[in-house]
Amino acid sequence: MKFIYLLHFIVFLALGFVLSVSNSAPININYYYGWLEMPLSFALLTTLVIGVLLGLTVGFFKNLTLRRKISTLSKQASIINKEVTNLRTFPVNSSN
């Protein structure tokens, strides 16, 4: 299985290298206060990295909130299970 992952990594790395060499024309990126000239492949790589970092950040905070919710719910479930266990062992007085 590791061999397949390594093979995919090498294929995508080679594909990325070929695309970066063929797309090395400079482009202008206009900002509000100025502009920046860089190769197209570097601009695409930069936007990919920024997108991945933003996605990981959002995923991390979403995961953190879900873990807190799971912790709260598991504490509540533990309390409810203790109450149910206590009610099952509680002696019942029958008054006939």
PDB file of N, CA and C in Angstrom:
ATOM      1  N   MET A   1       0.817  -1.188   0.000  1.00  0.00           N
ATOM      2  CA  MET A   1       0.000   0.000   0.000  1.00  0.00           C
ATOM      3  C   MET A   1       0.868   1.262   0.000  1.00  0.00           C
ATOM      4  N   LYS A   2       1.957   1.218   0.753  1.00  0.00           N
ATOM      5  CA  LYS A   2       2.864   2.366   0.776  1.00  0.00           C
ATOM      6  C   LYS A   2       3.487   2.588  -0.590  1.00  0.00           C
ATOM      7  N   PHE A   3       3.714   1.487  -1.307  1.00  0.00           N
ATOM      8  CA  PHE A   3       4.287   1.595  -2.640  1.00  0.00           C
ATOM      9  C   PHE A   3       3.340   2.341  -3.577  1.00  0.00           C
ATOM     10  N   ILE A   4       2.047   2.087  -3.455  1.00  0.00           N
ATOM     11  CA  ILE A   4       1.060   2.760  -4.305  1.00  0.00           C
ATOM     12  C   ILE A   4       1.032   4.259  -3.989  1.00  0.00           C
ATOM     13  N   TYR A   5       1.074   4.613  -2.688  1.00  0.00           N
ATOM     14  CA  TYR A   5       1.112   6.026  -2.312  1.00  0.00           C
ATOM     15  C   TYR A   5       2.381   6.700  -2.839  1.00  0.00           C
ATOM     16  N   LEU A   6       3.503   6.011  -2.732  1.00  0.00           N
ATOM     17  CA  LEU A   6       4.758   6.555  -3.232  1.00  0.00           C
ATOM     18  C   LEU A   6       4.706   6.732  -4.748  1.00  0.00           C
ATOM     19  N   LEU A   7       4.125   5.767  -5.431  1.00  0.00           N
ATOM     20  CA  LEU A   7       3.994   5.858  -6.886  1.00  0.00           C
ATOM     21  C   LEU A   7       3.106   7.042  -7.278  1.00  0.00           C
ATOM     22  N   HIS A   8       1.975   7.220  -6.587  1.00  0.00           N
ATOM     23  CA  HIS A   8       1.107   8.372  -6.862  1.00  0.00           C
ATOM     24  C   HIS A   8       1.837   9.681  -6.591  1.00  0.00           C
ATOM     25  N   PHE A   9       2.577   9.731  -5.507  1.00  0.00           N
ATOM     26  CA  PHE A   9       3.323  10.940  -5.175  1.00  0.00           C
ATOM     27  C   PHE A   9       4.332  11.278  -6.259  1.00  0.00           C
ATOM     28  N   ILE A  10       5.052  10.280  -6.738  1.00  0.00           N
ATOM     29  CA  ILE A  10       6.062  10.508  -7.784  1.00  0.00           C
ATOM     30  C   ILE A  10       5.394  10.956  -9.083  1.00  0.00           C
ATOM     31  N   VAL A  11       4.271  10.348  -9.433  1.00  0.00           N
ATOM     32  CA  VAL A  11       3.563  10.718 -10.663  1.00  0.00           C
ATOM     33  C   VAL A  11       3.076  12.168 -10.576  1.00  0.00           C
ATOM     34  N   PHE A  12       2.461  12.542  -9.453  1.00  0.00           N
ATOM     35  CA  PHE A  12       1.975  13.915  -9.310  1.00  0.00           C
ATOM     36  C   PHE A  12       3.120  14.913  -9.216  1.00  0.00           C
ATOM     37  N   LEU A  13       4.215  14.519  -8.612  1.00  0.00           N
ATOM     38  CA  LEU A  13       5.381  15.389  -8.555  1.00  0.00           C
ATOM     39  C   LEU A  13       5.946  15.630  -9.953  1.00  0.00           C
ATOM     40  N   ALA A  14       6.045  14.577 -10.756  1.00  0.00           N
ATOM     41  CA  ALA A  14       6.535  14.723 -12.123  1.00  0.00           C
ATOM     42  C   ALA A  14       5.567  15.561 -12.963  1.00  0.00           C
ATOM     43  N   LEU A  15       4.271  15.333 -12.767  1.00  0.00           N
ATOM     44  CA  LEU A  15       3.268  16.117 -13.496  1.00  0.00           C
ATOM     45  C   LEU A  15       3.352  17.587 -13.111  1.00  0.00           C
ATOM     46  N   GLY A  16       3.514  17.862 -11.837  1.00  0.00           N
ATOM     47  CA  GLY A  16       3.658  19.241 -11.382  1.00  0.00           C
ATOM     48  C   GLY A  16       4.912  19.888 -11.928  1.00  0.00           C
ATOM     49  N   PHE A  17       6.005  19.126 -11.996  1.00  0.00           N
ATOM     50  CA  PHE A  17       7.241  19.665 -12.549  1.00  0.00           C
ATOM     51  C   PHE A  17       7.082  19.998 -14.026  1.00  0.00           C
ATOM     52  N   VAL A  18       6.463  19.108 -14.777  1.00  0.00           N
ATOM     53  CA  VAL A  18       6.253  19.350 -16.212  1.00  0.00           C
ATOM     54  C   VAL A  18       5.360  20.570 -16.411  1.00  0.00           C
ATOM     55  N   LEU A  19       4.290  20.687 -15.623  1.00  0.00           N
ATOM     56  CA  LEU A  19       3.401  21.840 -15.757  1.00  0.00           C
ATOM     57  C   LEU A  19       4.090  23.135 -15.346  1.00  0.00           C
ATOM     58  N   SER A  20       4.951  23.088 -14.328  1.00  0.00           N
ATOM     59  CA  SER A  20       5.635  24.315 -13.909  1.00  0.00           C
ATOM     60  C   SER A  20       6.658  24.758 -14.943  1.00  0.00           C
ATOM     61  N   VAL A  21       7.305  23.821 -15.606  1.00  0.00           N
ATOM     62  CA  VAL A  21       8.272  24.192 -16.644  1.00  0.00           C
ATOM     63  C   VAL A  21       7.551  24.758 -17.861  1.00  0.00           C
ATOM     64  N   SER A  22       6.404  24.166 -18.214  1.00  0.00           N
ATOM     65  CA  SER A  22       5.693  24.642 -19.408  1.00  0.00           C
ATOM     66  C   SER A  22       4.911  25.932 -19.146  1.00  0.00           C
ATOM     67  N   ASN A  23       4.652  26.281 -17.887  1.00  0.00           N
ATOM     68  CA  ASN A  23       3.915  27.505 -17.549  1.00  0.00           C
ATOM     69  C   ASN A  23       4.808  28.482 -16.794  1.00  0.00           C
ATOM     70  N   SER A  24       5.966  28.732 -17.318  1.00  0.00           N
ATOM     71  CA  SER A  24       6.899  29.612 -16.622  1.00  0.00           C
ATOM     72  C   SER A  24       6.829  31.063 -17.105  1.00  0.00           C
ATOM     73  N   ALA A  25       5.814  31.394 -17.871  1.00  0.00           N
ATOM     74  CA  ALA A  25       5.674  32.774 -18.354  1.00  0.00           C
ATOM     75  C   ALA A  25       5.337  33.692 -17.190  1.00  0.00           C
ATOM     76  N   PRO A  26       5.929  34.885 -17.166  1.00  0.00           N
ATOM     77  CA  PRO A  26       5.640  35.801 -16.046  1.00  0.00           C
ATOM     78  C   PRO A  26       4.258  36.430 -16.184  1.00  0.00           C
ATOM     79  N   ILE A  27       3.603  36.622 -15.044  1.00  0.00           N
ATOM     80  CA  ILE A  27       2.304  37.284 -15.011  1.00  0.00           C
ATOM     81  C   ILE A  27       2.373  38.423 -13.997  1.00  0.00           C
ATOM     82  N   ASN A  28       1.504  39.393 -14.174  1.00  0.00           N
ATOM     83  CA  ASN A  28       1.407  40.510 -13.238  1.00  0.00           C
ATOM     84  C   ASN A  28       0.208  40.275 -12.331  1.00  0.00           C
ATOM     85  N   ILE A  29       0.433  40.375 -11.040  1.00  0.00           N
ATOM     86  CA  ILE A  29      -0.645  40.286 -10.060  1.00  0.00           C
ATOM     87  C   ILE A  29      -0.840  41.682  -9.503  1.00  0.00           C
ATOM     88  N   ASN A  30      -2.008  42.254  -9.758  1.00  0.00           N
ATOM     89  CA  ASN A  30      -2.306  43.614  -9.330  1.00  0.00           C
ATOM     90  C   ASN A  30      -2.965  43.602  -7.955  1.00  0.00           C
ATOM     91  N   TYR A  31      -2.342  44.291  -7.025  1.00  0.00           N
ATOM     92  CA  TYR A  31      -2.899  44.488  -5.697  1.00  0.00           C
ATOM     93  C   TYR A  31      -3.532  45.866  -5.642  1.00  0.00           C
ATOM     94  N   TYR A  32      -4.147  46.178  -4.542  1.00  0.00           N
ATOM     95  CA  TYR A  32      -4.769  47.488  -4.390  1.00  0.00           C
ATOM     96  C   TYR A  32      -3.710  48.588  -4.364  1.00  0.00           C
ATOM     97  N   TYR A  33      -2.554  48.293  -3.764  1.00  0.00           N
ATOM     98  CA  TYR A  33      -1.502  49.301  -3.623  1.00  0.00           C
ATOM     99  C   TYR A  33      -0.351  49.139  -4.616  1.00  0.00           C
ATOM    100  N   GLY A  34      -0.359  48.138  -5.427  1.00  0.00           N
ATOM    101  CA  GLY A  34       0.738  47.941  -6.366  1.00  0.00           C
ATOM    102  C   GLY A  34       0.553  46.661  -7.165  1.00  0.00           C
ATOM    103  N   TRP A  35       1.634  46.155  -7.702  1.00  0.00           N
ATOM    104  CA  TRP A  35       1.578  44.937  -8.476  1.00  0.00           C
ATOM    105  C   TRP A  35       2.849  44.133  -8.230  1.00  0.00           C
ATOM    106  N   LEU A  36       2.784  42.858  -8.589  1.00  0.00           N
ATOM    107  CA  LEU A  36       3.891  41.934  -8.390  1.00  0.00           C
ATOM    108  C   LEU A  36       3.999  41.051  -9.628  1.00  0.00           C
ATOM    109  N   GLU A  37       5.195  40.858 -10.106  1.00  0.00           N
ATOM    110  CA  GLU A  37       5.406  39.997 -11.275  1.00  0.00           C
ATOM    111  C   GLU A  37       6.048  38.707 -10.807  1.00  0.00           C
ATOM    112  N   MET A  38       5.433  37.581 -11.208  1.00  0.00           N
ATOM    113  CA  MET A  38       5.969  36.273 -10.835  1.00  0.00           C
ATOM    114  C   MET A  38       5.574  35.253 -11.895  1.00  0.00           C
ATOM    115  N   PRO A  39       6.257  34.112 -11.942  1.00  0.00           N
ATOM    116  CA  PRO A  39       5.875  33.070 -12.902  1.00  0.00           C
ATOM    117  C   PRO A  39       4.489  32.504 -12.579  1.00  0.00           C
ATOM    118  N   LEU A  40       3.796  32.059 -13.607  1.00  0.00           N
ATOM    119  CA  LEU A  40       2.454  31.524 -13.443  1.00  0.00           C
ATOM    120  C   LEU A  40       2.452  30.310 -12.531  1.00  0.00           C
ATOM    121  N   SER A  41       3.435  29.435 -12.676  1.00  0.00           N
ATOM    122  CA  SER A  41       3.477  28.224 -11.853  1.00  0.00           C
ATOM    123  C   SER A  41       3.642  28.572 -10.378  1.00  0.00           C
ATOM    124  N   PHE A  42       4.457  29.588 -10.068  1.00  0.00           N
ATOM    125  CA  PHE A  42       4.634  29.994  -8.672  1.00  0.00           C
ATOM    126  C   PHE A  42       3.360  30.620  -8.113  1.00  0.00           C
ATOM    127  N   ALA A  43       2.649  31.384  -8.943  1.00  0.00           N
ATOM    128  CA  ALA A  43       1.387  31.983  -8.507  1.00  0.00           C
ATOM    129  C   ALA A  43       0.355  30.890  -8.216  1.00  0.00           C
ATOM    130  N   LEU A  44       0.295  29.871  -9.077  1.00  0.00           N
ATOM    131  CA  LEU A  44      -0.643  28.771  -8.843  1.00  0.00           C
ATOM    132  C   LEU A  44      -0.272  27.985  -7.590  1.00  0.00           C
ATOM    133  N   LEU A  45       1.012  27.743  -7.395  1.00  0.00           N
ATOM    134  CA  LEU A  45       1.466  27.024  -6.210  1.00  0.00           C
ATOM    135  C   LEU A  45       1.179  27.825  -4.942  1.00  0.00           C
ATOM    136  N   THR A  46       1.374  29.134  -5.013  1.00  0.00           N
ATOM    137  CA  THR A  46       1.111  29.989  -3.859  1.00  0.00           C
ATOM    138  C   THR A  46      -0.368  29.970  -3.490  1.00  0.00           C
ATOM    139  N   THR A  47      -1.244  30.072  -4.484  1.00  0.00           N
ATOM    140  CA  THR A  47      -2.675  30.040  -4.187  1.00  0.00           C
ATOM    141  C   THR A  47      -3.102  28.670  -3.678  1.00  0.00           C
ATOM    142  N   LEU A  48      -2.482  27.609  -4.164  1.00  0.00           N
ATOM    143  CA  LEU A  48      -2.785  26.264  -3.663  1.00  0.00           C
ATOM    144  C   LEU A  48      -2.392  26.140  -2.194  1.00  0.00           C
ATOM    145  N   VAL A  49      -1.207  26.604  -1.857  1.00  0.00           N
ATOM    146  CA  VAL A  49      -0.736  26.521  -0.466  1.00  0.00           C
ATOM    147  C   VAL A  49      -1.614  27.368   0.451  1.00  0.00           C
ATOM    148  N   ILE A  50      -1.968  28.565   0.014  1.00  0.00           N
ATOM    149  CA  ILE A  50      -2.839  29.418   0.836  1.00  0.00           C
ATOM    150  C   ILE A  50      -4.203  28.757   1.026  1.00  0.00           C
ATOM    151  N   GLY A  51      -4.743  28.168  -0.024  1.00  0.00           N
ATOM    152  CA  GLY A  51      -6.031  27.480   0.085  1.00  0.00           C
ATOM    153  C   GLY A  51      -5.981  26.281   1.010  1.00  0.00           C
ATOM    154  N   VAL A  52      -4.908  25.517   0.920  1.00  0.00           N
ATOM    155  CA  VAL A  52      -4.761  24.355   1.807  1.00  0.00           C
ATOM    156  C   VAL A  52      -4.633  24.811   3.256  1.00  0.00           C
ATOM    157  N   LEU A  53      -3.844  25.843   3.501  1.00  0.00           N
ATOM    158  CA  LEU A  53      -3.684  26.342   4.874  1.00  0.00           C
ATOM    159  C   LEU A  53      -4.998  26.887   5.429  1.00  0.00           C
ATOM    160  N   LEU A  54      -5.749  27.612   4.618  1.00  0.00           N
ATOM    161  CA  LEU A  54      -7.056  28.101   5.073  1.00  0.00           C
ATOM    162  C   LEU A  54      -8.016  26.950   5.354  1.00  0.00           C
ATOM    163  N   GLY A  55      -8.019  25.959   4.485  1.00  0.00           N
ATOM    164  CA  GLY A  55      -8.880  24.787   4.692  1.00  0.00           C
ATOM    165  C   GLY A  55      -8.509  24.019   5.951  1.00  0.00           C
ATOM    166  N   LEU A  56      -7.217  23.846   6.188  1.00  0.00           N
ATOM    167  CA  LEU A  56      -6.780  23.154   7.403  1.00  0.00           C
ATOM    168  C   LEU A  56      -7.126  23.951   8.652  1.00  0.00           C
ATOM    169  N   THR A  57      -7.008  25.263   8.589  1.00  0.00           N
ATOM    170  CA  THR A  57      -7.346  26.098   9.734  1.00  0.00           C
ATOM    171  C   THR A  57      -8.834  26.000  10.064  1.00  0.00           C
ATOM    172  N   VAL A  58      -9.666  26.115   9.054  1.00  0.00           N
ATOM    173  CA  VAL A  58     -11.113  26.003   9.272  1.00  0.00           C
ATOM    174  C   VAL A  58     -11.458  24.611   9.785  1.00  0.00           C
ATOM    175  N   GLY A  59     -10.857  23.583   9.201  1.00  0.00           N
ATOM    176  CA  GLY A  59     -11.101  22.217   9.654  1.00  0.00           C
ATOM    177  C   GLY A  59     -10.654  21.991  11.083  1.00  0.00           C
ATOM    178  N   PHE A  60      -9.533  22.595  11.470  1.00  0.00           N
ATOM    179  CA  PHE A  60      -9.030  22.446  12.830  1.00  0.00           C
ATOM    180  C   PHE A  60     -10.008  23.045  13.836  1.00  0.00           C
ATOM    181  N   PHE A  61     -10.485  24.260  13.562  1.00  0.00           N
ATOM    182  CA  PHE A  61     -11.405  24.895  14.495  1.00  0.00           C
ATOM    183  C   PHE A  61     -12.762  24.192  14.525  1.00  0.00           C
ATOM    184  N   LYS A  62     -13.209  23.682  13.390  1.00  0.00           N
ATOM    185  CA  LYS A  62     -14.459  22.917  13.359  1.00  0.00           C
ATOM    186  C   LYS A  62     -14.294  21.631  14.162  1.00  0.00           C
ATOM    187  N   ASN A  63     -13.155  20.979  14.015  1.00  0.00           N
ATOM    188  CA  ASN A  63     -12.868  19.763  14.762  1.00  0.00           C
ATOM    189  C   ASN A  63     -12.800  20.052  16.255  1.00  0.00           C
ATOM    190  N   LEU A  64     -12.212  21.178  16.616  1.00  0.00           N
ATOM    191  CA  LEU A  64     -12.102  21.555  18.022  1.00  0.00           C
ATOM    192  C   LEU A  64     -13.480  21.766  18.643  1.00  0.00           C
ATOM    193  N   THR A  65     -14.365  22.455  17.944  1.00  0.00           N
ATOM    194  CA  THR A  65     -15.711  22.673  18.480  1.00  0.00           C
ATOM    195  C   THR A  65     -16.490  21.361  18.574  1.00  0.00           C
ATOM    196  N   LEU A  66     -16.311  20.479  17.597  1.00  0.00           N
ATOM    197  CA  LEU A  66     -17.000  19.188  17.654  1.00  0.00           C
ATOM    198  C   LEU A  66     -16.474  18.326  18.796  1.00  0.00           C
ATOM    199  N   ARG A  67     -15.167  18.387  19.060  1.00  0.00           N
ATOM    200  CA  ARG A  67     -14.621  17.630  20.187  1.00  0.00           C
ATOM    201  C   ARG A  67     -15.168  18.144  21.518  1.00  0.00           C
ATOM    202  N   ARG A  68     -15.322  19.454  21.644  1.00  0.00           N
ATOM    203  CA  ARG A  68     -15.924  20.009  22.867  1.00  0.00           C
ATOM    204  C   ARG A  68     -17.353  19.534  23.031  1.00  0.00           C
ATOM    205  N   LYS A  69     -18.098  19.538  21.941  1.00  0.00           N
ATOM    206  CA  LYS A  69     -19.484  19.088  22.000  1.00  0.00           C
ATOM    207  C   LYS A  69     -19.560  17.608  22.358  1.00  0.00           C
ATOM    208  N   ILE A  70     -18.667  16.800  21.784  1.00  0.00           N
ATOM    209  CA  ILE A  70     -18.639  15.376  22.112  1.00  0.00           C
ATOM    210  C   ILE A  70     -18.307  15.175  23.580  1.00  0.00           C
ATOM    211  N   SER A  71     -17.370  15.942  24.099  1.00  0.00           N
ATOM    212  CA  SER A  71     -17.003  15.838  25.508  1.00  0.00           C
ATOM    213  C   SER A  71     -18.184  16.181  26.400  1.00  0.00           C
ATOM    214  N   THR A  72     -18.886  17.255  26.092  1.00  0.00           N
ATOM    215  CA  THR A  72     -20.052  17.653  26.881  1.00  0.00           C
ATOM    216  C   THR A  72     -21.138  16.592  26.828  1.00  0.00           C
ATOM    217  N   LEU A  73     -21.407  16.074  25.631  1.00  0.00           N
ATOM    218  CA  LEU A  73     -22.453  15.066  25.487  1.00  0.00           C
ATOM    219  C   LEU A  73     -22.076  13.748  26.157  1.00  0.00           C
ATOM    220  N   SER A  74     -20.803  13.377  26.114  1.00  0.00           N
ATOM    221  CA  SER A  74     -20.404  12.133  26.783  1.00  0.00           C
ATOM    222  C   SER A  74     -20.495  12.271  28.300  1.00  0.00           C
ATOM    223  N   LYS A  75     -20.213  13.455  28.846  1.00  0.00           N
ATOM    224  CA  LYS A  75     -20.401  13.675  30.286  1.00  0.00           C
ATOM    225  C   LYS A  75     -21.874  13.571  30.656  1.00  0.00           C
ATOM    226  N   GLN A  76     -22.739  14.157  29.834  1.00  0.00           N
ATOM    227  CA  GLN A  76     -24.169  14.064  30.093  1.00  0.00           C
ATOM    228  C   GLN A  76     -24.644  12.616  29.994  1.00  0.00           C
ATOM    229  N   ALA A  77     -24.144  11.873  29.017  1.00  0.00           N
ATOM    230  CA  ALA A  77     -24.533  10.473  28.865  1.00  0.00           C
ATOM    231  C   ALA A  77     -24.055   9.642  30.045  1.00  0.00           C
ATOM    232  N   SER A  78     -22.882   9.945  30.566  1.00  0.00           N
ATOM    233  CA  SER A  78     -22.372   9.233  31.729  1.00  0.00           C
ATOM    234  C   SER A  78     -23.254   9.482  32.949  1.00  0.00           C
ATOM    235  N   ILE A  79     -23.660  10.723  33.146  1.00  0.00           N
ATOM    236  CA  ILE A  79     -24.546  11.050  34.274  1.00  0.00           C
ATOM    237  C   ILE A  79     -25.886  10.338  34.123  1.00  0.00           C
ATOM    238  N   ILE A  80     -26.432  10.331  32.926  1.00  0.00           N
ATOM    239  CA  ILE A  80     -27.721   9.675  32.683  1.00  0.00           C
ATOM    240  C   ILE A  80     -27.594   8.173  32.885  1.00  0.00           C
ATOM    241  N   ASN A  81     -26.489   7.559  32.445  1.00  0.00           N
ATOM    242  CA  ASN A  81     -26.288   6.126  32.651  1.00  0.00           C
ATOM    243  C   ASN A  81     -26.189   5.796  34.128  1.00  0.00           C
ATOM    244  N   LYS A  82     -25.542   6.639  34.916  1.00  0.00           N
ATOM    245  CA  LYS A  82     -25.466   6.419  36.362  1.00  0.00           C
ATOM    246  C   LYS A  82     -26.852   6.507  36.996  1.00  0.00           C
ATOM    247  N   GLU A  83     -27.659   7.480  36.564  1.00  0.00           N
ATOM    248  CA  GLU A  83     -29.013   7.610  37.087  1.00  0.00           C
ATOM    249  C   GLU A  83     -29.856   6.387  36.744  1.00  0.00           C
ATOM    250  N   VAL A  84     -29.751   5.901  35.520  1.00  0.00           N
ATOM    251  CA  VAL A  84     -30.508   4.717  35.108  1.00  0.00           C
ATOM    252  C   VAL A  84     -30.067   3.503  35.922  1.00  0.00           C
ATOM    253  N   THR A  85     -28.765   3.348  36.126  1.00  0.00           N
ATOM    254  CA  THR A  85     -28.256   2.227  36.924  1.00  0.00           C
ATOM    255  C   THR A  85     -28.765   2.317  38.361  1.00  0.00           C
ATOM    256  N   ASN A  86     -28.762   3.509  38.924  1.00  0.00           N
ATOM    257  CA  ASN A  86     -29.276   3.687  40.281  1.00  0.00           C
ATOM    258  C   ASN A  86     -30.763   3.388  40.357  1.00  0.00           C
ATOM    259  N   LEU A  87     -31.533   3.776  39.352  1.00  0.00           N
ATOM    260  CA  LEU A  87     -32.964   3.488  39.354  1.00  0.00           C
ATOM    261  C   LEU A  87     -33.232   1.998  39.194  1.00  0.00           C
ATOM    262  N   ARG A  88     -32.398   1.293  38.478  1.00  0.00           N
ATOM    263  CA  ARG A  88     -32.590  -0.152  38.301  1.00  0.00           C
ATOM    264  C   ARG A  88     -32.301  -0.917  39.588  1.00  0.00           C
ATOM    265  N   THR A  89     -31.357  -0.426  40.378  1.00  0.00           N
ATOM    266  CA  THR A  89     -31.012  -1.118  41.624  1.00  0.00           C
ATOM    267  C   THR A  89     -31.818  -0.599  42.791  1.00  0.00           C
ATOM    268  N   PHE A  90     -32.629   0.413  42.621  1.00  0.00           N
ATOM    269  CA  PHE A  90     -33.436   0.990  43.696  1.00  0.00           C
ATOM    270  C   PHE A  90     -34.554   0.014  44.044  1.00  0.00           C
ATOM    271  N   PRO A  91     -34.692  -0.308  45.334  1.00  0.00           N
ATOM    272  CA  PRO A  91     -35.755  -1.261  45.693  1.00  0.00           C
ATOM    273  C   PRO A  91     -37.125  -0.632  45.521  1.00  0.00           C
ATOM    274  N   VAL A  92     -38.032  -1.418  44.995  1.00  0.00           N
ATOM    275  CA  VAL A  92     -39.391  -0.964  44.736  1.00  0.00           C
ATOM    276  C   VAL A  92     -40.281  -1.457  45.874  1.00  0.00           C
ATOM    277  N   ASN A  93     -40.994  -0.544  46.504  1.00  0.00           N
ATOM    278  CA  ASN A  93     -41.952  -0.925  47.545  1.00  0.00           C
ATOM    279  C   ASN A  93     -43.294  -1.140  46.911  1.00  0.00           C
ATOM    280  N   SER A  94     -43.821  -2.322  47.092  1.00  0.00           N
ATOM    281  CA  SER A  94     -45.147  -2.592  46.551  1.00  0.00           C
ATOM    282  C   SER A  94     -46.165  -2.438  47.667  1.00  0.00           C
ATOM    283  N   SER A  95     -47.108  -1.606  47.431  1.00  0.00           N
ATOM    284  CA  SER A  95     -48.163  -1.392  48.431  1.00  0.00           C
ATOM    285  C   SER A  95     -49.473  -1.897  47.888  1.00  0.00           C
ATOM    286  N   ASN A  96     -49.843  -3.102  48.310  1.00  0.00           N
ATOM    287  CA  ASN A  96     -51.091  -3.721  47.860  1.00  0.00           C
ATOM    288  C   ASN A  96     -52.117  -3.683  48.908  1.00  0.00           C
TER     289      ASN A  96
END
